Amino acid sequence: MGDPHPSAGNAARARDRERGSVYGVVSSLIRQLRPAGFDELGIAAALENCVVEWRARLPEASSNCRSTADLTIQRIRALALFRLVQEA
């Protein structure tokens, strides 16, 4: 016997795919806002990771990340610095 309501099954599958897509987008945005390892590894590692991601997305652009200063700063300032570099 066939499904008496095939369109309902198709709609449910489409909704599940859409939910998975939205979850992926939201997860990516959360990682961009507060990168993994930011609190544990510090601002220098977070900035370096940001540049690595730029290189992957924009291989034609040139970017470097060097830190010669001690970047031990308050967490709120470190996050502000990260966001500034991220937007640049």
PDB file of N, CA and C in Angstrom:
ATOM      1  N   MET A   1       0.826  -1.173   0.000  1.00  0.00           N
ATOM      2  CA  MET A   1       0.000   0.000   0.000  1.00  0.00           C
ATOM      3  C   MET A   1       0.873   1.241   0.000  1.00  0.00           C
ATOM      4  N   GLY A   2       0.488   2.228  -0.777  1.00  0.00           N
ATOM      5  CA  GLY A   2       1.233   3.474  -0.854  1.00  0.00           C
ATOM      6  C   GLY A   2       0.823   4.428   0.242  1.00  0.00           C
ATOM      7  N   ASP A   3       1.604   5.464   0.375  1.00  0.00           N
ATOM      8  CA  ASP A   3       1.318   6.516   1.359  1.00  0.00           C
ATOM      9  C   ASP A   3       0.087   7.282   0.896  1.00  0.00           C
ATOM     10  N   PRO A   4      -0.957   7.364   1.739  1.00  0.00           N
ATOM     11  CA  PRO A   4      -2.168   8.068   1.317  1.00  0.00           C
ATOM     12  C   PRO A   4      -1.953   9.581   1.208  1.00  0.00           C
ATOM     13  N   HIS A   5      -0.885  10.090   1.821  1.00  0.00           N
ATOM     14  CA  HIS A   5      -0.596  11.522   1.785  1.00  0.00           C
ATOM     15  C   HIS A   5       0.885  11.751   1.445  1.00  0.00           C
ATOM     16  N   PRO A   6       1.291  11.485   0.199  1.00  0.00           N
ATOM     17  CA  PRO A   6       2.710  11.615  -0.142  1.00  0.00           C
ATOM     18  C   PRO A   6       3.219  13.041   0.011  1.00  0.00           C
ATOM     19  N   SER A   7       2.377  14.025  -0.197  1.00  0.00           N
ATOM     20  CA  SER A   7       2.846  15.407  -0.070  1.00  0.00           C
ATOM     21  C   SER A   7       3.201  15.754   1.372  1.00  0.00           C
ATOM     22  N   ALA A   8       2.515  15.129   2.337  1.00  0.00           N
ATOM     23  CA  ALA A   8       2.832  15.382   3.748  1.00  0.00           C
ATOM     24  C   ALA A   8       4.220  14.842   4.074  1.00  0.00           C
ATOM     25  N   GLY A   9       4.556  13.675   3.557  1.00  0.00           N
ATOM     26  CA  GLY A   9       5.891  13.107   3.783  1.00  0.00           C
ATOM     27  C   GLY A   9       6.967  13.952   3.138  1.00  0.00           C
ATOM     28  N   ASN A  10       6.710  14.434   1.926  1.00  0.00           N
ATOM     29  CA  ASN A  10       7.674  15.294   1.242  1.00  0.00           C
ATOM     30  C   ASN A  10       7.876  16.603   1.998  1.00  0.00           C
ATOM     31  N   ALA A  11       6.795  17.162   2.500  1.00  0.00           N
ATOM     32  CA  ALA A  11       6.882  18.409   3.264  1.00  0.00           C
ATOM     33  C   ALA A  11       7.686  18.204   4.549  1.00  0.00           C
ATOM     34  N   ALA A  12       7.488  17.082   5.205  1.00  0.00           N
ATOM     35  CA  ALA A  12       8.219  16.796   6.440  1.00  0.00           C
ATOM     36  C   ALA A  12       9.708  16.643   6.164  1.00  0.00           C
ATOM     37  N   ARG A  13      10.055  15.946   5.080  1.00  0.00           N
ATOM     38  CA  ARG A  13      11.471  15.787   4.718  1.00  0.00           C
ATOM     39  C   ARG A  13      12.097  17.134   4.355  1.00  0.00           C
ATOM     40  N   ALA A  14      11.369  17.951   3.633  1.00  0.00           N
ATOM     41  CA  ALA A  14      11.867  19.281   3.266  1.00  0.00           C
ATOM     42  C   ALA A  14      12.082  20.137   4.520  1.00  0.00           C
ATOM     43  N   ARG A  15      11.161  20.046   5.469  1.00  0.00           N
ATOM     44  CA  ARG A  15      11.284  20.796   6.714  1.00  0.00           C
ATOM     45  C   ARG A  15      12.511  20.328   7.491  1.00  0.00           C
ATOM     46  N   ASP A  16      12.774  19.018   7.515  1.00  0.00           N
ATOM     47  CA  ASP A  16      13.949  18.492   8.209  1.00  0.00           C
ATOM     48  C   ASP A  16      15.239  18.979   7.551  1.00  0.00           C
ATOM     49  N   ARG A  17      15.271  19.006   6.218  1.00  0.00           N
ATOM     50  CA  ARG A  17      16.461  19.515   5.512  1.00  0.00           C
ATOM     51  C   ARG A  17      16.675  20.995   5.819  1.00  0.00           C
ATOM     52  N   GLU A  18      15.600  21.750   5.816  1.00  0.00           N
ATOM     53  CA  GLU A  18      15.685  23.183   6.102  1.00  0.00           C
ATOM     54  C   GLU A  18      16.169  23.422   7.529  1.00  0.00           C
ATOM     55  N   ARG A  19      15.672  22.638   8.466  1.00  0.00           N
ATOM     56  CA  ARG A  19      16.095  22.756   9.860  1.00  0.00           C
ATOM     57  C   ARG A  19      17.593  22.485   9.983  1.00  0.00           C
ATOM     58  N   GLY A  20      18.079  21.475   9.292  1.00  0.00           N
ATOM     59  CA  GLY A  20      19.509  21.170   9.312  1.00  0.00           C
ATOM     60  C   GLY A  20      20.332  22.306   8.719  1.00  0.00           C
ATOM     61  N   SER A  21      19.826  22.903   7.659  1.00  0.00           N
ATOM     62  CA  SER A  21      20.524  24.023   7.027  1.00  0.00           C
ATOM     63  C   SER A  21      20.581  25.225   7.960  1.00  0.00           C
ATOM     64  N   VAL A  22      19.477  25.544   8.599  1.00  0.00           N
ATOM     65  CA  VAL A  22      19.425  26.674   9.536  1.00  0.00           C
ATOM     66  C   VAL A  22      20.364  26.411  10.707  1.00  0.00           C
ATOM     67  N   TYR A  23      20.380  25.201  11.211  1.00  0.00           N
ATOM     68  CA  TYR A  23      21.263  24.852  12.324  1.00  0.00           C
ATOM     69  C   TYR A  23      22.724  25.079  11.927  1.00  0.00           C
ATOM     70  N   GLY A  24      23.095  24.678  10.718  1.00  0.00           N
ATOM     71  CA  GLY A  24      24.464  24.871  10.243  1.00  0.00           C
ATOM     72  C   GLY A  24      24.837  26.339  10.149  1.00  0.00           C
ATOM     73  N   VAL A  25      23.938  27.158   9.644  1.00  0.00           N
ATOM     74  CA  VAL A  25      24.190  28.598   9.518  1.00  0.00           C
ATOM     75  C   VAL A  25      24.335  29.235  10.901  1.00  0.00           C
ATOM     76  N   VAL A  26      23.440  28.907  11.807  1.00  0.00           N
ATOM     77  CA  VAL A  26      23.494  29.483  13.152  1.00  0.00           C
ATOM     78  C   VAL A  26      24.772  29.048  13.870  1.00  0.00           C
ATOM     79  N   SER A  27      25.154  27.794  13.740  1.00  0.00           N
ATOM     80  CA  SER A  27      26.383  27.303  14.367  1.00  0.00           C
ATOM     81  C   SER A  27      27.597  28.060  13.842  1.00  0.00           C
ATOM     82  N   SER A  28      27.626  28.287  12.546  1.00  0.00           N
ATOM     83  CA  SER A  28      28.732  29.026  11.935  1.00  0.00           C
ATOM     84  C   SER A  28      28.784  30.458  12.455  1.00  0.00           C
ATOM     85  N   LEU A  29      27.633  31.102  12.560  1.00  0.00           N
ATOM     86  CA  LEU A  29      27.593  32.476  13.070  1.00  0.00           C
ATOM     87  C   LEU A  29      28.067  32.542  14.518  1.00  0.00           C
ATOM     88  N   ILE A  30      27.679  31.579  15.314  1.00  0.00           N
ATOM     89  CA  ILE A  30      28.097  31.555  16.717  1.00  0.00           C
ATOM     90  C   ILE A  30      29.616  31.413  16.803  1.00  0.00           C
ATOM     91  N   ARG A  31      30.203  30.537  15.986  1.00  0.00           N
ATOM     92  CA  ARG A  31      31.655  30.374  15.989  1.00  0.00           C
ATOM     93  C   ARG A  31      32.349  31.651  15.548  1.00  0.00           C
ATOM     94  N   GLN A  32      31.763  32.366  14.599  1.00  0.00           N
ATOM     95  CA  GLN A  32      32.373  33.613  14.140  1.00  0.00           C
ATOM     96  C   GLN A  32      32.316  34.685  15.223  1.00  0.00           C
ATOM     97  N   LEU A  33      31.227  34.717  15.984  1.00  0.00           N
ATOM     98  CA  LEU A  33      31.093  35.725  17.027  1.00  0.00           C
ATOM     99  C   LEU A  33      32.031  35.460  18.200  1.00  0.00           C
ATOM    100  N   ARG A  34      32.155  34.229  18.554  1.00  0.00           N
ATOM    101  CA  ARG A  34      33.018  33.852  19.677  1.00  0.00           C
ATOM    102  C   ARG A  34      33.785  32.616  19.238  1.00  0.00           C
ATOM    103  N   PRO A  35      34.960  32.809  18.659  1.00  0.00           N
ATOM    104  CA  PRO A  35      35.692  31.677  18.090  1.00  0.00           C
ATOM    105  C   PRO A  35      36.050  30.632  19.142  1.00  0.00           C
ATOM    106  N   ALA A  36      36.053  29.392  18.706  1.00  0.00           N
ATOM    107  CA  ALA A  36      36.431  28.296  19.599  1.00  0.00           C
ATOM    108  C   ALA A  36      37.867  28.516  20.063  1.00  0.00           C
ATOM    109  N   GLY A  37      38.102  28.290  21.319  1.00  0.00           N
ATOM    110  CA  GLY A  37      39.446  28.434  21.856  1.00  0.00           C
ATOM    111  C   GLY A  37      39.818  29.846  22.254  1.00  0.00           C
ATOM    112  N   PHE A  38      38.943  30.805  22.033  1.00  0.00           N
ATOM    113  CA  PHE A  38      39.255  32.200  22.357  1.00  0.00           C
ATOM    114  C   PHE A  38      39.628  32.347  23.827  1.00  0.00           C
ATOM    115  N   ASP A  39      38.820  31.795  24.711  1.00  0.00           N
ATOM    116  CA  ASP A  39      39.073  31.931  26.143  1.00  0.00           C
ATOM    117  C   ASP A  39      40.281  31.108  26.596  1.00  0.00           C
ATOM    118  N   GLU A  40      40.467  29.934  26.000  1.00  0.00           N
ATOM    119  CA  GLU A  40      41.544  29.053  26.429  1.00  0.00           C
ATOM    120  C   GLU A  40      42.891  29.444  25.815  1.00  0.00           C
ATOM    121  N   LEU A  41      42.892  29.822  24.531  1.00  0.00           N
ATOM    122  CA  LEU A  41      44.152  30.059  23.818  1.00  0.00           C
ATOM    123  C   LEU A  41      44.543  31.523  23.736  1.00  0.00           C
ATOM    124  N   GLY A  42      43.584  32.428  23.932  1.00  0.00           N
ATOM    125  CA  GLY A  42      43.902  33.843  23.943  1.00  0.00           C
ATOM    126  C   GLY A  42      43.682  34.537  22.607  1.00  0.00           C
ATOM    127  N   ILE A  43      43.871  35.841  22.647  1.00  0.00           N
ATOM    128  CA  ILE A  43      43.585  36.686  21.497  1.00  0.00           C
ATOM    129  C   ILE A  43      44.550  36.432  20.333  1.00  0.00           C
ATOM    130  N   ALA A  44      45.817  36.201  20.613  1.00  0.00           N
ATOM    131  CA  ALA A  44      46.783  35.989  19.532  1.00  0.00           C
ATOM    132  C   ALA A  44      46.398  34.770  18.691  1.00  0.00           C
ATOM    133  N   ALA A  45      46.030  33.674  19.345  1.00  0.00           N
ATOM    134  CA  ALA A  45      45.624  32.472  18.619  1.00  0.00           C
ATOM    135  C   ALA A  45      44.318  32.696  17.861  1.00  0.00           C
ATOM    136  N   ALA A  46      43.394  33.442  18.462  1.00  0.00           N
ATOM    137  CA  ALA A  46      42.118  33.725  17.797  1.00  0.00           C
ATOM    138  C   ALA A  46      42.342  34.575  16.547  1.00  0.00           C
ATOM    139  N   LEU A  47      43.227  35.571  16.644  1.00  0.00           N
ATOM    140  CA  LEU A  47      43.524  36.407  15.475  1.00  0.00           C
ATOM    141  C   LEU A  47      44.210  35.595  14.381  1.00  0.00           C
ATOM    142  N   GLU A  48      45.135  34.749  14.780  1.00  0.00           N
ATOM    143  CA  GLU A  48      45.815  33.905  13.800  1.00  0.00           C
ATOM    144  C   GLU A  48      44.818  32.993  13.091  1.00  0.00           C
ATOM    145  N   ASN A  49      43.897  32.411  13.840  1.00  0.00           N
ATOM    146  CA  ASN A  49      42.875  31.551  13.252  1.00  0.00           C
ATOM    147  C   ASN A  49      41.984  32.338  12.295  1.00  0.00           C
ATOM    148  N   CYS A  50      41.667  33.576  12.648  1.00  0.00           N
ATOM    149  CA  CYS A  50      40.853  34.434  11.794  1.00  0.00           C
ATOM    150  C   CYS A  50      41.542  34.640  10.446  1.00  0.00           C
ATOM    151  N   VAL A  51      42.841  34.904  10.479  1.00  0.00           N
ATOM    152  CA  VAL A  51      43.604  35.105   9.240  1.00  0.00           C
ATOM    153  C   VAL A  51      43.658  33.815   8.422  1.00  0.00           C
ATOM    154  N   VAL A  52      43.814  32.687   9.085  1.00  0.00           N
ATOM    155  CA  VAL A  52      43.816  31.399   8.377  1.00  0.00           C
ATOM    156  C   VAL A  52      42.493  31.189   7.654  1.00  0.00           C
ATOM    157  N   GLU A  53      41.387  31.542   8.301  1.00  0.00           N
ATOM    158  CA  GLU A  53      40.076  31.408   7.660  1.00  0.00           C
ATOM    159  C   GLU A  53      39.948  32.353   6.470  1.00  0.00           C
ATOM    160  N   TRP A  54      40.482  33.573   6.590  1.00  0.00           N
ATOM    161  CA  TRP A  54      40.457  34.505   5.451  1.00  0.00           C
ATOM    162  C   TRP A  54      41.198  33.919   4.267  1.00  0.00           C
ATOM    163  N   ARG A  55      42.365  33.345   4.535  1.00  0.00           N
ATOM    164  CA  ARG A  55      43.167  32.762   3.446  1.00  0.00           C
ATOM    165  C   ARG A  55      42.399  31.658   2.729  1.00  0.00           C
ATOM    166  N   ALA A  56      41.640  30.876   3.483  1.00  0.00           N
ATOM    167  CA  ALA A  56      40.870  29.787   2.877  1.00  0.00           C
ATOM    168  C   ALA A  56      39.739  30.339   2.011  1.00  0.00           C
ATOM    169  N   ARG A  57      39.092  31.407   2.468  1.00  0.00           N
ATOM    170  CA  ARG A  57      37.971  31.980   1.715  1.00  0.00           C
ATOM    171  C   ARG A  57      38.422  32.900   0.599  1.00  0.00           C
ATOM    172  N   LEU A  58      39.545  33.577   0.791  1.00  0.00           N
ATOM    173  CA  LEU A  58      40.022  34.572  -0.173  1.00  0.00           C
ATOM    174  C   LEU A  58      41.479  34.285  -0.552  1.00  0.00           C
ATOM    175  N   PRO A  59      41.717  33.221  -1.315  1.00  0.00           N
ATOM    176  CA  PRO A  59      43.105  32.854  -1.620  1.00  0.00           C
ATOM    177  C   PRO A  59      43.848  33.904  -2.445  1.00  0.00           C
ATOM    178  N   GLU A  60      43.118  34.765  -3.155  1.00  0.00           N
ATOM    179  CA  GLU A  60      43.776  35.784  -3.967  1.00  0.00           C
ATOM    180  C   GLU A  60      44.246  36.981  -3.129  1.00  0.00           C
ATOM    181  N   ALA A  61      43.755  37.103  -1.903  1.00  0.00           N
ATOM    182  CA  ALA A  61      44.150  38.207  -1.027  1.00  0.00           C
ATOM    183  C   ALA A  61      45.385  37.821  -0.224  1.00  0.00           C
ATOM    184  N   SER A  62      46.175  38.806   0.099  1.00  0.00           N
ATOM    185  CA  SER A  62      47.363  38.573   0.910  1.00  0.00           C
ATOM    186  C   SER A  62      47.090  39.045   2.331  1.00  0.00           C
ATOM    187  N   SER A  63      47.384  38.206   3.293  1.00  0.00           N
ATOM    188  CA  SER A  63      47.168  38.586   4.688  1.00  0.00           C
ATOM    189  C   SER A  63      48.218  37.915   5.562  1.00  0.00           C
ATOM    190  N   ASN A  64      48.642  38.638   6.580  1.00  0.00           N
ATOM    191  CA  ASN A  64      49.615  38.128   7.538  1.00  0.00           C
ATOM    192  C   ASN A  64      49.126  38.430   8.941  1.00  0.00           C
ATOM    193  N   CYS A  65      49.580  37.627   9.871  1.00  0.00           N
ATOM    194  CA  CYS A  65      49.237  37.844  11.270  1.00  0.00           C
ATOM    195  C   CYS A  65      50.505  37.646  12.085  1.00  0.00           C
ATOM    196  N   ARG A  66      51.018  38.740  12.638  1.00  0.00           N
ATOM    197  CA  ARG A  66      52.207  38.674  13.478  1.00  0.00           C
ATOM    198  C   ARG A  66      51.943  39.428  14.766  1.00  0.00           C
ATOM    199  N   SER A  67      52.409  38.866  15.828  1.00  0.00           N
ATOM    200  CA  SER A  67      52.261  39.527  17.121  1.00  0.00           C
ATOM    201  C   SER A  67      53.613  39.532  17.816  1.00  0.00           C
ATOM    202  N   THR A  68      54.140  40.717  18.028  1.00  0.00           N
ATOM    203  CA  THR A  68      55.406  40.823  18.754  1.00  0.00           C
ATOM    204  C   THR A  68      55.180  41.352  20.163  1.00  0.00           C
ATOM    205  N   ALA A  69      53.990  41.854  20.409  1.00  0.00           N
ATOM    206  CA  ALA A  69      53.678  42.398  21.736  1.00  0.00           C
ATOM    207  C   ALA A  69      52.998  41.347  22.594  1.00  0.00           C
ATOM    208  N   ASP A  70      53.072  41.549  23.872  1.00  0.00           N
ATOM    209  CA  ASP A  70      52.339  40.696  24.805  1.00  0.00           C
ATOM    210  C   ASP A  70      50.871  41.110  24.737  1.00  0.00           C
ATOM    211  N   LEU A  71      50.021  40.220  24.294  1.00  0.00           N
ATOM    212  CA  LEU A  71      48.608  40.549  24.131  1.00  0.00           C
ATOM    213  C   LEU A  71      47.775  40.106  25.330  1.00  0.00           C
ATOM    214  N   THR A  72      48.322  40.243  26.508  1.00  0.00           N
ATOM    215  CA  THR A  72      47.577  39.940  27.720  1.00  0.00           C
ATOM    216  C   THR A  72      46.771  41.187  28.069  1.00  0.00           C
ATOM    217  N   ILE A  73      45.518  41.186  27.633  1.00  0.00           N
ATOM    218  CA  ILE A  73      44.625  42.318  27.877  1.00  0.00           C
ATOM    219  C   ILE A  73      43.314  41.787  28.434  1.00  0.00           C
ATOM    220  N   GLN A  74      42.503  42.696  28.922  1.00  0.00           N
ATOM    221  CA  GLN A  74      41.211  42.293  29.466  1.00  0.00           C
ATOM    222  C   GLN A  74      40.400  41.562  28.405  1.00  0.00           C
ATOM    223  N   ARG A  75      39.615  40.604  28.853  1.00  0.00           N
ATOM    224  CA  ARG A  75      38.816  39.784  27.938  1.00  0.00           C
ATOM    225  C   ARG A  75      37.903  40.633  27.054  1.00  0.00           C
ATOM    226  N   ILE A  76      37.257  41.636  27.607  1.00  0.00           N
ATOM    227  CA  ILE A  76      36.337  42.465  26.825  1.00  0.00           C
ATOM    228  C   ILE A  76      37.094  43.244  25.753  1.00  0.00           C
ATOM    229  N   ARG A  77      38.288  43.719  26.083  1.00  0.00           N
ATOM    230  CA  ARG A  77      39.114  44.424  25.088  1.00  0.00           C
ATOM    231  C   ARG A  77      39.633  43.461  24.037  1.00  0.00           C
ATOM    232  N   ALA A  78      39.989  42.261  24.457  1.00  0.00           N
ATOM    233  CA  ALA A  78      40.461  41.258  23.497  1.00  0.00           C
ATOM    234  C   ALA A  78      39.357  40.909  22.506  1.00  0.00           C
ATOM    235  N   LEU A  79      38.148  40.766  22.995  1.00  0.00           N
ATOM    236  CA  LEU A  79      37.030  40.453  22.110  1.00  0.00           C
ATOM    237  C   LEU A  79      36.743  41.617  21.162  1.00  0.00           C
ATOM    238  N   ALA A  80      36.846  42.856  21.666  1.00  0.00           N
ATOM    239  CA  ALA A  80      36.664  44.029  20.805  1.00  0.00           C
ATOM    240  C   ALA A  80      37.745  44.069  19.726  1.00  0.00           C
ATOM    241  N   LEU A  81      38.985  43.789  20.105  1.00  0.00           N
ATOM    242  CA  LEU A  81      40.083  43.744  19.132  1.00  0.00           C
ATOM    243  C   LEU A  81      39.826  42.671  18.084  1.00  0.00           C
ATOM    244  N   PHE A  82      39.386  41.508  18.522  1.00  0.00           N
ATOM    245  CA  PHE A  82      39.083  40.427  17.573  1.00  0.00           C
ATOM    246  C   PHE A  82      38.015  40.862  16.581  1.00  0.00           C
ATOM    247  N   ARG A  83      36.969  41.477  17.080  1.00  0.00           N
ATOM    248  CA  ARG A  83      35.871  41.923  16.186  1.00  0.00           C
ATOM    249  C   ARG A  83      36.355  42.977  15.196  1.00  0.00           C
ATOM    250  N   LEU A  84      37.219  43.881  15.647  1.00  0.00           N
ATOM    251  CA  LEU A  84      37.767  44.894  14.735  1.00  0.00           C
ATOM    252  C   LEU A  84      38.573  44.250  13.612  1.00  0.00           C
ATOM    253  N   VAL A  85      39.432  43.316  13.975  1.00  0.00           N
ATOM    254  CA  VAL A  85      40.228  42.623  12.966  1.00  0.00           C
ATOM    255  C   VAL A  85      39.340  41.794  12.057  1.00  0.00           C
ATOM    256  N   GLN A  86      38.363  41.145  12.626  1.00  0.00           N
ATOM    257  CA  GLN A  86      37.434  40.326  11.851  1.00  0.00           C
ATOM    258  C   GLN A  86      36.703  41.166  10.816  1.00  0.00           C
ATOM    259  N   GLU A  87      36.270  42.349  11.184  1.00  0.00           N
ATOM    260  CA  GLU A  87      35.553  43.228  10.258  1.00  0.00           C
ATOM    261  C   GLU A  87      36.463  43.841   9.200  1.00  0.00           C
ATOM    262  N   ALA A  88      37.739  44.015   9.555  1.00  0.00           N
ATOM    263  CA  ALA A  88      38.678  44.604   8.607  1.00  0.00           C
ATOM    264  C   ALA A  88      38.804  43.704   7.400  1.00  0.00           C
TER     265      ALA A  88
END
